[in-house]
């Protein structure tokens, strides 16, 4: 699957096998061992480990979704995070 809308990206946040949130978004923000980072639409492929952070998504409907994360992986491929 390739999501090609240049103004949005598709985001899915899982906790185990459960989907916590899924939809189109303007951005995703979190913090890894290096520091805070943001992912925007059409971002290059990206992979990082995160722990003790909040994953914040600005949805296509201008809502801010905040999901606490004890540990996990954030990855982006083909405008899908």
C-alpha atoms as a PDB file:
ATOM      1  CA  UNK A   1       0.000   0.000   0.000  1.00  0.00           C
ATOM      2  CA  UNK A   2       1.266   3.472  -0.892  1.00  0.00           C
ATOM      3  CA  UNK A   3      -0.415   6.583   0.502  1.00  0.00           C
ATOM      4  CA  UNK A   4       0.364   9.455  -1.892  1.00  0.00           C
ATOM      5  CA  UNK A   5      -1.606  12.464  -0.615  1.00  0.00           C
ATOM      6  CA  UNK A   6       1.168  15.081  -0.265  1.00  0.00           C
ATOM      7  CA  UNK A   7      -0.689  16.980   2.499  1.00  0.00           C
ATOM      8  CA  UNK A   8      -1.533  13.989   4.706  1.00  0.00           C
ATOM      9  CA  UNK A   9      -0.071  10.679   5.796  1.00  0.00           C
ATOM     10  CA  UNK A  10      -1.712   7.515   7.044  1.00  0.00           C
ATOM     11  CA  UNK A  11      -0.973   6.710  10.703  1.00  0.00           C
ATOM     12  CA  UNK A  12      -1.740   3.564  12.681  1.00  0.00           C
ATOM     13  CA  UNK A  13      -0.796   3.206  16.344  1.00  0.00           C
ATOM     14  CA  UNK A  14      -0.890  -0.348  17.695  1.00  0.00           C
ATOM     15  CA  UNK A  15      -0.594  -1.681  21.221  1.00  0.00           C
ATOM     16  CA  UNK A  16       0.134  -5.350  20.774  1.00  0.00           C
ATOM     17  CA  UNK A  17      -2.470  -6.588  18.311  1.00  0.00           C
ATOM     18  CA  UNK A  18      -4.959  -3.816  19.167  1.00  0.00           C
ATOM     19  CA  UNK A  19      -5.236  -0.697  17.018  1.00  0.00           C
ATOM     20  CA  UNK A  20      -5.262   2.319  19.363  1.00  0.00           C
ATOM     21  CA  UNK A  21      -5.768   4.921  16.627  1.00  0.00           C
ATOM     22  CA  UNK A  22      -5.760   4.913  12.819  1.00  0.00           C
ATOM     23  CA  UNK A  23      -6.420   7.636  10.295  1.00  0.00           C
ATOM     24  CA  UNK A  24      -5.019  10.424   8.175  1.00  0.00           C
ATOM     25  CA  UNK A  25      -2.780  12.998   9.836  1.00  0.00           C
ATOM     26  CA  UNK A  26      -0.773  16.175   9.317  1.00  0.00           C
ATOM     27  CA  UNK A  27       2.019  15.125  11.701  1.00  0.00           C
ATOM     28  CA  UNK A  28       3.311  12.651  14.274  1.00  0.00           C
ATOM     29  CA  UNK A  29       5.633  13.716  17.101  1.00  0.00           C
ATOM     30  CA  UNK A  30       7.506  11.781  19.786  1.00  0.00           C
ATOM     31  CA  UNK A  31      10.889  11.567  21.511  1.00  0.00           C
ATOM     32  CA  UNK A  32      13.631   8.979  21.022  1.00  0.00           C
ATOM     33  CA  UNK A  33      17.085   8.623  22.651  1.00  0.00           C
ATOM     34  CA  UNK A  34      18.435  11.508  20.547  1.00  0.00           C
ATOM     35  CA  UNK A  35      15.570  13.897  21.338  1.00  0.00           C
ATOM     36  CA  UNK A  36      12.203  15.071  20.011  1.00  0.00           C
ATOM     37  CA  UNK A  37      11.291  14.390  16.384  1.00  0.00           C
ATOM     38  CA  UNK A  38       8.424  15.139  14.020  1.00  0.00           C
ATOM     39  CA  UNK A  39       7.231  13.191  11.027  1.00  0.00           C
ATOM     40  CA  UNK A  40       5.394  15.098   8.310  1.00  0.00           C
ATOM     41  CA  UNK A  41       3.661  13.902   5.126  1.00  0.00           C
ATOM     42  CA  UNK A  42       5.996  12.545   2.439  1.00  0.00           C
ATOM     43  CA  UNK A  43       8.741  11.947   5.046  1.00  0.00           C
ATOM     44  CA  UNK A  44      11.661   9.776   3.987  1.00  0.00           C
ATOM     45  CA  UNK A  45      11.696   6.193   5.260  1.00  0.00           C
ATOM     46  CA  UNK A  46      12.379   6.288   8.993  1.00  0.00           C
ATOM     47  CA  UNK A  47      12.759   3.778  11.826  1.00  0.00           C
ATOM     48  CA  UNK A  48      13.417   4.451  15.522  1.00  0.00           C
ATOM     49  CA  UNK A  49      12.936   2.915  18.957  1.00  0.00           C
ATOM     50  CA  UNK A  50      10.990   5.022  21.470  1.00  0.00           C
ATOM     51  CA  UNK A  51      10.432   4.622  25.191  1.00  0.00           C
ATOM     52  CA  UNK A  52       8.745   6.581  27.964  1.00  0.00           C
ATOM     53  CA  UNK A  53       7.263   9.089  25.547  1.00  0.00           C
ATOM     54  CA  UNK A  54       3.935  10.308  24.271  1.00  0.00           C
ATOM     55  CA  UNK A  55       3.177   9.825  20.600  1.00  0.00           C
ATOM     56  CA  UNK A  56       1.200  12.860  19.468  1.00  0.00           C
ATOM     57  CA  UNK A  57      -0.709  12.882  16.202  1.00  0.00           C
ATOM     58  CA  UNK A  58      -2.318  15.944  14.629  1.00  0.00           C
ATOM     59  CA  UNK A  59      -5.177  14.336  12.726  1.00  0.00           C
ATOM     60  CA  UNK A  60      -6.576  15.521   9.407  1.00  0.00           C
ATOM     61  CA  UNK A  61      -9.503  16.936  11.428  1.00  0.00           C
ATOM     62  CA  UNK A  62      -7.123  19.153  13.477  1.00  0.00           C
ATOM     63  CA  UNK A  63      -7.508  16.985  16.601  1.00  0.00           C
ATOM     64  CA  UNK A  64      -4.462  16.195  18.740  1.00  0.00           C
ATOM     65  CA  UNK A  65      -4.319  12.543  19.721  1.00  0.00           C
ATOM     66  CA  UNK A  66      -1.862  11.736  22.538  1.00  0.00           C
ATOM     67  CA  UNK A  67      -0.922   8.102  23.169  1.00  0.00           C
ATOM     68  CA  UNK A  68       1.455   7.234  26.036  1.00  0.00           C
ATOM     69  CA  UNK A  69       4.145   4.760  24.995  1.00  0.00           C
ATOM     70  CA  UNK A  70       6.364   2.815  27.421  1.00  0.00           C
ATOM     71  CA  UNK A  71       8.387   1.337  24.553  1.00  0.00           C
ATOM     72  CA  UNK A  72       7.873   0.746  20.876  1.00  0.00           C
ATOM     73  CA  UNK A  73       8.976   1.286  17.318  1.00  0.00           C
ATOM     74  CA  UNK A  74       8.039   4.169  15.039  1.00  0.00           C
ATOM     75  CA  UNK A  75       8.482   3.534  11.342  1.00  0.00           C
ATOM     76  CA  UNK A  76       7.501   5.314   8.149  1.00  0.00           C
ATOM     77  CA  UNK A  77       7.455   3.817   4.659  1.00  0.00           C
ATOM     78  CA  UNK A  78       5.594   5.167   1.600  1.00  0.00           C
ATOM     79  CA  UNK A  79       3.875   7.945   3.618  1.00  0.00           C
ATOM     80  CA  UNK A  80       2.486   5.416   6.115  1.00  0.00           C
ATOM     81  CA  UNK A  81       3.506   5.638   9.771  1.00  0.00           C
END
